[in-house]
Amino acid sequence: MPLNRAKFYAAAFAFASLPAISAAQFEEETFRAAGPSVELYYPVSREIRDAFDSQILSLGFGPVDATASRRGRFRTGFNIITAKRSGNKMLLVPLTAIYERDLTSATTGTRPYLRLGAGVSYYDYSFRANGDKYSNKFLGATGFAELGLNVNGRFNFFGRYNAFDKKDGLNFNGWSFGIAYSVLKI
């Protein structure tokens, strides 16, 4: 199924607009921070692990908040999960709206948090597994649940379960463990 570009651009615009909406909702926060993340993605599917590896590098960009909020806040983020091996290739690009809530009332130091995300993902893969050829490009749904620690408003250390649409009988779900660093105040 070919990628519908209008659908992709509409979804990207909607997600890009969310920070402005959340800024209006949660004005009491002094500032927000964002930055890159480096993660190891562990697919749960045997077909994906056999075609690529049991761990795949993932890069992303999203919130790394320096201001505590027990009330919760909305953000946006994206990741790039890509792998190539022996002629096989896979690219997943989830764009997500994120709800985040601190799990403690502490305003400095190390703060545990919970994030829930939902959105769209671009899928592009072509690989062989178990003697079958899988190849497709499409937009589908994605979501995640994440637990993490924010350290001094600058670093996030986290574990996340990623859920993706199933297509062609393939399960792209997986675990991610990573670190994010604040480089940009929004």
C-alpha atoms as a PDB file:
ATOM      1  CA  MET A   1       0.000   0.000   0.000  1.00  0.00           C
ATOM      2  CA  PRO A   2       1.609   3.330  -1.023  1.00  0.00           C
ATOM      3  CA  LEU A   3       2.159   6.040   1.578  1.00  0.00           C
ATOM      4  CA  ASN A   4      -0.480   8.770   1.501  1.00  0.00           C
ATOM      5  CA  ARG A   5       1.633  11.957   1.790  1.00  0.00           C
ATOM      6  CA  ALA A   6      -1.311  14.209   2.653  1.00  0.00           C
ATOM      7  CA  LYS A   7      -2.173  11.935   5.587  1.00  0.00           C
ATOM      8  CA  PHE A   8       1.449  12.001   6.781  1.00  0.00           C
ATOM      9  CA  TYR A   9       1.725  15.823   6.568  1.00  0.00           C
ATOM     10  CA  ALA A  10      -1.621  16.305   8.325  1.00  0.00           C
ATOM     11  CA  ALA A  11      -0.531  14.049  11.189  1.00  0.00           C
ATOM     12  CA  ALA A  12       2.884  15.766  11.434  1.00  0.00           C
ATOM     13  CA  PHE A  13       1.215  19.214  11.579  1.00  0.00           C
ATOM     14  CA  ALA A  14      -1.203  18.055  14.291  1.00  0.00           C
ATOM     15  CA  PHE A  15       1.627  16.730  16.450  1.00  0.00           C
ATOM     16  CA  ALA A  16       3.783  19.810  15.864  1.00  0.00           C
ATOM     17  CA  SER A  17       0.879  21.964  17.128  1.00  0.00           C
ATOM     18  CA  LEU A  18       0.540  20.169  20.475  1.00  0.00           C
ATOM     19  CA  PRO A  19       3.330  22.052  22.339  1.00  0.00           C
ATOM     20  CA  ALA A  20       1.529  25.372  21.752  1.00  0.00           C
ATOM     21  CA  ILE A  21      -1.708  23.882  23.088  1.00  0.00           C
ATOM     22  CA  SER A  22       0.023  22.425  26.157  1.00  0.00           C
ATOM     23  CA  ALA A  23       1.837  25.721  26.842  1.00  0.00           C
ATOM     24  CA  ALA A  24      -1.522  27.480  27.086  1.00  0.00           C
ATOM     25  CA  GLN A  25      -2.876  24.784  29.441  1.00  0.00           C
ATOM     26  CA  PHE A  26       0.042  24.627  31.867  1.00  0.00           C
ATOM     27  CA  GLU A  27       1.343  28.176  32.216  1.00  0.00           C
ATOM     28  CA  GLU A  28       2.609  27.701  35.788  1.00  0.00           C
ATOM     29  CA  GLU A  29       5.679  25.802  34.613  1.00  0.00           C
ATOM     30  CA  THR A  30       8.757  28.008  34.454  1.00  0.00           C
ATOM     31  CA  PHE A  31      10.216  26.370  31.347  1.00  0.00           C
ATOM     32  CA  ARG A  32      10.258  23.188  29.368  1.00  0.00           C
ATOM     33  CA  ALA A  33      13.253  21.364  28.019  1.00  0.00           C
ATOM     34  CA  ALA A  34      13.755  18.923  25.181  1.00  0.00           C
ATOM     35  CA  GLY A  35      16.625  16.953  23.798  1.00  0.00           C
ATOM     36  CA  PRO A  36      17.895  13.883  21.999  1.00  0.00           C
ATOM     37  CA  SER A  37      17.577  10.336  23.263  1.00  0.00           C
ATOM     38  CA  VAL A  38      19.658   7.254  22.543  1.00  0.00           C
ATOM     39  CA  GLU A  39      17.922   3.956  23.128  1.00  0.00           C
ATOM     40  CA  LEU A  40      18.331   0.242  22.640  1.00  0.00           C
ATOM     41  CA  TYR A  41      15.165  -1.275  21.205  1.00  0.00           C
ATOM     42  CA  TYR A  42      14.523  -4.969  21.922  1.00  0.00           C
ATOM     43  CA  PRO A  43      11.867  -6.384  19.552  1.00  0.00           C
ATOM     44  CA  VAL A  44       9.612  -9.077  21.030  1.00  0.00           C
ATOM     45  CA  SER A  45       8.994 -10.752  17.649  1.00  0.00           C
ATOM     46  CA  ARG A  46      11.227 -13.642  16.691  1.00  0.00           C
ATOM     47  CA  GLU A  47      10.945 -12.704  12.978  1.00  0.00           C
ATOM     48  CA  ILE A  48      12.250  -9.177  13.658  1.00  0.00           C
ATOM     49  CA  ARG A  49      15.063 -10.452  15.917  1.00  0.00           C
ATOM     50  CA  ASP A  50      16.091 -13.098  13.360  1.00  0.00           C
ATOM     51  CA  ALA A  51      16.125 -10.606  10.478  1.00  0.00           C
ATOM     52  CA  PHE A  52      18.045  -7.875  12.313  1.00  0.00           C
ATOM     53  CA  ASP A  53      19.256  -8.550  15.846  1.00  0.00           C
ATOM     54  CA  SER A  54      17.972  -8.838  19.379  1.00  0.00           C
ATOM     55  CA  GLN A  55      18.805  -5.168  20.009  1.00  0.00           C
ATOM     56  CA  ILE A  56      18.437  -2.252  17.609  1.00  0.00           C
ATOM     57  CA  LEU A  57      19.676   1.323  18.026  1.00  0.00           C
ATOM     58  CA  SER A  58      16.955   3.968  18.250  1.00  0.00           C
ATOM     59  CA  LEU A  59      17.392   7.750  18.218  1.00  0.00           C
ATOM     60  CA  GLY A  60      14.740  10.233  19.223  1.00  0.00           C
ATOM     61  CA  PHE A  61      13.899  13.757  20.269  1.00  0.00           C
ATOM     62  CA  GLY A  62      11.412  14.708  22.939  1.00  0.00           C
ATOM     63  CA  PRO A  63      10.741  16.222  26.359  1.00  0.00           C
ATOM     64  CA  VAL A  64      13.359  16.197  29.138  1.00  0.00           C
ATOM     65  CA  ASP A  65      11.557  18.412  31.635  1.00  0.00           C
ATOM     66  CA  ALA A  66      13.358  20.435  34.252  1.00  0.00           C
ATOM     67  CA  THR A  67      10.176  21.493  36.053  1.00  0.00           C
ATOM     68  CA  ALA A  68       8.171  19.075  38.175  1.00  0.00           C
ATOM     69  CA  SER A  69       4.434  18.691  37.583  1.00  0.00           C
ATOM     70  CA  ARG A  70       2.158  16.465  39.666  1.00  0.00           C
ATOM     71  CA  ARG A  71      -0.750  17.769  37.583  1.00  0.00           C
ATOM     72  CA  GLY A  72       0.552  16.302  34.358  1.00  0.00           C
ATOM     73  CA  ARG A  73       1.505  17.838  31.055  1.00  0.00           C
ATOM     74  CA  PHE A  74       1.259  17.136  27.343  1.00  0.00           C
ATOM     75  CA  ARG A  75       4.205  17.024  24.959  1.00  0.00           C
ATOM     76  CA  THR A  76       5.178  15.587  21.597  1.00  0.00           C
ATOM     77  CA  GLY A  77       8.101  13.439  20.548  1.00  0.00           C
ATOM     78  CA  PHE A  78       9.440  11.179  17.856  1.00  0.00           C
ATOM     79  CA  ASN A  79      11.862   8.290  17.456  1.00  0.00           C
ATOM     80  CA  ILE A  80      13.716   6.696  14.589  1.00  0.00           C
ATOM     81  CA  ILE A  81      14.144   2.948  14.893  1.00  0.00           C
ATOM     82  CA  THR A  82      16.209   1.677  11.992  1.00  0.00           C
ATOM     83  CA  ALA A  83      18.080  -1.511  11.213  1.00  0.00           C
ATOM     84  CA  LYS A  84      19.917  -3.045   8.255  1.00  0.00           C
ATOM     85  CA  ARG A  85      21.499  -6.467   8.049  1.00  0.00           C
ATOM     86  CA  SER A  86      22.243  -8.858   5.189  1.00  0.00           C
ATOM     87  CA  GLY A  87      20.046  -6.990   2.706  1.00  0.00           C
ATOM     88  CA  ASN A  88      17.192  -6.642   5.201  1.00  0.00           C
ATOM     89  CA  LYS A  89      15.993  -3.155   6.173  1.00  0.00           C
ATOM     90  CA  MET A  90      13.495  -1.699   8.613  1.00  0.00           C
ATOM     91  CA  LEU A  91      12.524   1.867   9.477  1.00  0.00           C
ATOM     92  CA  LEU A  92       9.915   2.828  12.095  1.00  0.00           C
ATOM     93  CA  VAL A  93       9.286   6.532  12.804  1.00  0.00           C
ATOM     94  CA  PRO A  94       6.697   6.995  15.565  1.00  0.00           C
ATOM     95  CA  LEU A  95       5.318  10.539  16.145  1.00  0.00           C
ATOM     96  CA  THR A  96       3.534  10.634  19.487  1.00  0.00           C
ATOM     97  CA  ALA A  97       1.512  12.902  21.713  1.00  0.00           C
ATOM     98  CA  ILE A  98       2.800  12.334  25.244  1.00  0.00           C
ATOM     99  CA  TYR A  99       1.107  12.711  28.626  1.00  0.00           C
ATOM    100  CA  GLU A 100       3.657  12.925  31.449  1.00  0.00           C
ATOM    101  CA  ARG A 101       3.150  12.981  35.204  1.00  0.00           C
ATOM    102  CA  ASP A 102       5.721  13.118  37.977  1.00  0.00           C
ATOM    103  CA  LEU A 103       5.343  10.359  40.579  1.00  0.00           C
ATOM    104  CA  THR A 104       6.699  12.440  43.463  1.00  0.00           C
ATOM    105  CA  SER A 105       6.206  15.940  44.806  1.00  0.00           C
ATOM    106  CA  ALA A 106       9.961  16.682  44.792  1.00  0.00           C
ATOM    107  CA  THR A 107      10.890  19.700  42.675  1.00  0.00           C
ATOM    108  CA  THR A 108      14.647  19.085  42.419  1.00  0.00           C
ATOM    109  CA  GLY A 109      17.052  16.176  42.391  1.00  0.00           C
ATOM    110  CA  THR A 110      15.923  12.821  41.068  1.00  0.00           C
ATOM    111  CA  ARG A 111      12.222  12.516  40.192  1.00  0.00           C
ATOM    112  CA  PRO A 112      10.435   9.382  38.937  1.00  0.00           C
ATOM    113  CA  TYR A 113       7.864   9.934  36.191  1.00  0.00           C
ATOM    114  CA  LEU A 114       5.304   8.076  34.077  1.00  0.00           C
ATOM    115  CA  ARG A 115       4.658   8.791  30.390  1.00  0.00           C
ATOM    116  CA  LEU A 116       1.944   7.477  28.116  1.00  0.00           C
ATOM    117  CA  GLY A 117       2.112   8.153  24.398  1.00  0.00           C
ATOM    118  CA  ALA A 118      -0.086   7.575  21.369  1.00  0.00           C
ATOM    119  CA  GLY A 119       0.194   8.599  17.748  1.00  0.00           C
ATOM    120  CA  VAL A 120       1.087   7.535  14.249  1.00  0.00           C
ATOM    121  CA  SER A 121       4.118   5.726  12.932  1.00  0.00           C
ATOM    122  CA  TYR A 122       5.647   5.467   9.486  1.00  0.00           C
ATOM    123  CA  TYR A 123       6.632   1.884   8.644  1.00  0.00           C
ATOM    124  CA  ASP A 124       9.055   0.935   5.872  1.00  0.00           C
ATOM    125  CA  TYR A 125      10.475  -2.581   5.832  1.00  0.00           C
ATOM    126  CA  SER A 126      11.773  -5.197   3.470  1.00  0.00           C
ATOM    127  CA  PHE A 127      13.279  -8.402   4.841  1.00  0.00           C
ATOM    128  CA  ARG A 128      13.264 -12.177   4.803  1.00  0.00           C
ATOM    129  CA  ALA A 129      12.423 -14.258   7.861  1.00  0.00           C
ATOM    130  CA  ASN A 130      11.536 -17.951   8.143  1.00  0.00           C
ATOM    131  CA  GLY A 131      11.737 -18.280   4.350  1.00  0.00           C
ATOM    132  CA  ASP A 132       9.093 -15.576   3.777  1.00  0.00           C
ATOM    133  CA  LYS A 133       9.593 -12.138   2.210  1.00  0.00           C
ATOM    134  CA  TYR A 134       8.007  -9.158   4.004  1.00  0.00           C
ATOM    135  CA  SER A 135       7.886  -5.736   2.383  1.00  0.00           C
ATOM    136  CA  ASN A 136       5.612  -2.767   3.002  1.00  0.00           C
ATOM    137  CA  LYS A 137       5.340   1.010   3.521  1.00  0.00           C
ATOM    138  CA  PHE A 138       2.401   2.460   5.448  1.00  0.00           C
ATOM    139  CA  LEU A 139       1.184   4.708   8.267  1.00  0.00           C
ATOM    140  CA  GLY A 140      -0.218   3.011  11.329  1.00  0.00           C
ATOM    141  CA  ALA A 141      -0.963   3.497  14.997  1.00  0.00           C
ATOM    142  CA  THR A 142       1.576   3.400  17.796  1.00  0.00           C
ATOM    143  CA  GLY A 143       1.639   3.862  21.551  1.00  0.00           C
ATOM    144  CA  PHE A 144       3.892   3.417  24.552  1.00  0.00           C
ATOM    145  CA  ALA A 145       4.115   3.336  28.340  1.00  0.00           C
ATOM    146  CA  GLU A 146       7.317   4.603  29.955  1.00  0.00           C
ATOM    147  CA  LEU A 147       8.727   4.755  33.476  1.00  0.00           C
ATOM    148  CA  GLY A 148      11.777   6.875  34.079  1.00  0.00           C
ATOM    149  CA  LEU A 149      13.903   9.011  36.333  1.00  0.00           C
ATOM    150  CA  ASN A 150      14.622  12.676  35.665  1.00  0.00           C
ATOM    151  CA  VAL A 151      17.948  13.680  37.228  1.00  0.00           C
ATOM    152  CA  ASN A 152      18.373  17.370  38.068  1.00  0.00           C
ATOM    153  CA  GLY A 153      16.159  18.413  35.164  1.00  0.00           C
ATOM    154  CA  ARG A 154      18.868  17.476  32.647  1.00  0.00           C
ATOM    155  CA  PHE A 155      18.850  13.696  32.138  1.00  0.00           C
ATOM    156  CA  ASN A 156      16.116  11.095  31.765  1.00  0.00           C
ATOM    157  CA  PHE A 157      16.895   7.415  32.272  1.00  0.00           C
ATOM    158  CA  PHE A 158      13.953   5.283  31.155  1.00  0.00           C
ATOM    159  CA  GLY A 159      12.398   1.980  30.215  1.00  0.00           C
ATOM    160  CA  ARG A 160       9.517   1.893  27.719  1.00  0.00           C
ATOM    161  CA  TYR A 161       7.207  -0.661  26.146  1.00  0.00           C
ATOM    162  CA  ASN A 162       6.450   0.288  22.510  1.00  0.00           C
ATOM    163  CA  ALA A 163       3.280  -0.977  20.833  1.00  0.00           C
ATOM    164  CA  PHE A 164       2.944  -0.851  17.035  1.00  0.00           C
ATOM    165  CA  ASP A 165       0.289  -1.877  14.512  1.00  0.00           C
ATOM    166  CA  LYS A 166       0.563  -5.453  13.333  1.00  0.00           C
ATOM    167  CA  LYS A 167       0.845  -5.804   9.570  1.00  0.00           C
ATOM    168  CA  ASP A 168       1.592  -8.793   7.347  1.00  0.00           C
ATOM    169  CA  GLY A 169       1.413 -10.935  10.500  1.00  0.00           C
ATOM    170  CA  LEU A 170       4.428  -9.087  11.961  1.00  0.00           C
ATOM    171  CA  ASN A 171       4.653  -7.808  15.523  1.00  0.00           C
ATOM    172  CA  PHE A 172       6.895  -4.706  15.808  1.00  0.00           C
ATOM    173  CA  ASN A 173       6.302  -4.276  19.564  1.00  0.00           C
ATOM    174  CA  GLY A 174       9.349  -4.082  21.784  1.00  0.00           C
ATOM    175  CA  TRP A 175      11.114  -2.758  24.858  1.00  0.00           C
ATOM    176  CA  SER A 176      13.369   0.308  24.838  1.00  0.00           C
ATOM    177  CA  PHE A 177      15.903   1.355  27.449  1.00  0.00           C
ATOM    178  CA  GLY A 178      17.664   4.660  27.073  1.00  0.00           C
ATOM    179  CA  ILE A 179      18.901   8.041  28.154  1.00  0.00           C
ATOM    180  CA  ALA A 180      17.818  11.531  27.088  1.00  0.00           C
ATOM    181  CA  TYR A 181      19.667  14.800  27.673  1.00  0.00           C
ATOM    182  CA  SER A 182      18.193  18.307  27.815  1.00  0.00           C
ATOM    183  CA  VAL A 183      19.758  20.630  25.211  1.00  0.00           C
ATOM    184  CA  LEU A 184      16.900  22.970  24.328  1.00  0.00           C
ATOM    185  CA  LYS A 185      14.650  25.170  26.437  1.00  0.00           C
ATOM    186  CA  ILE A 186      11.243  25.679  24.899  1.00  0.00           C
END
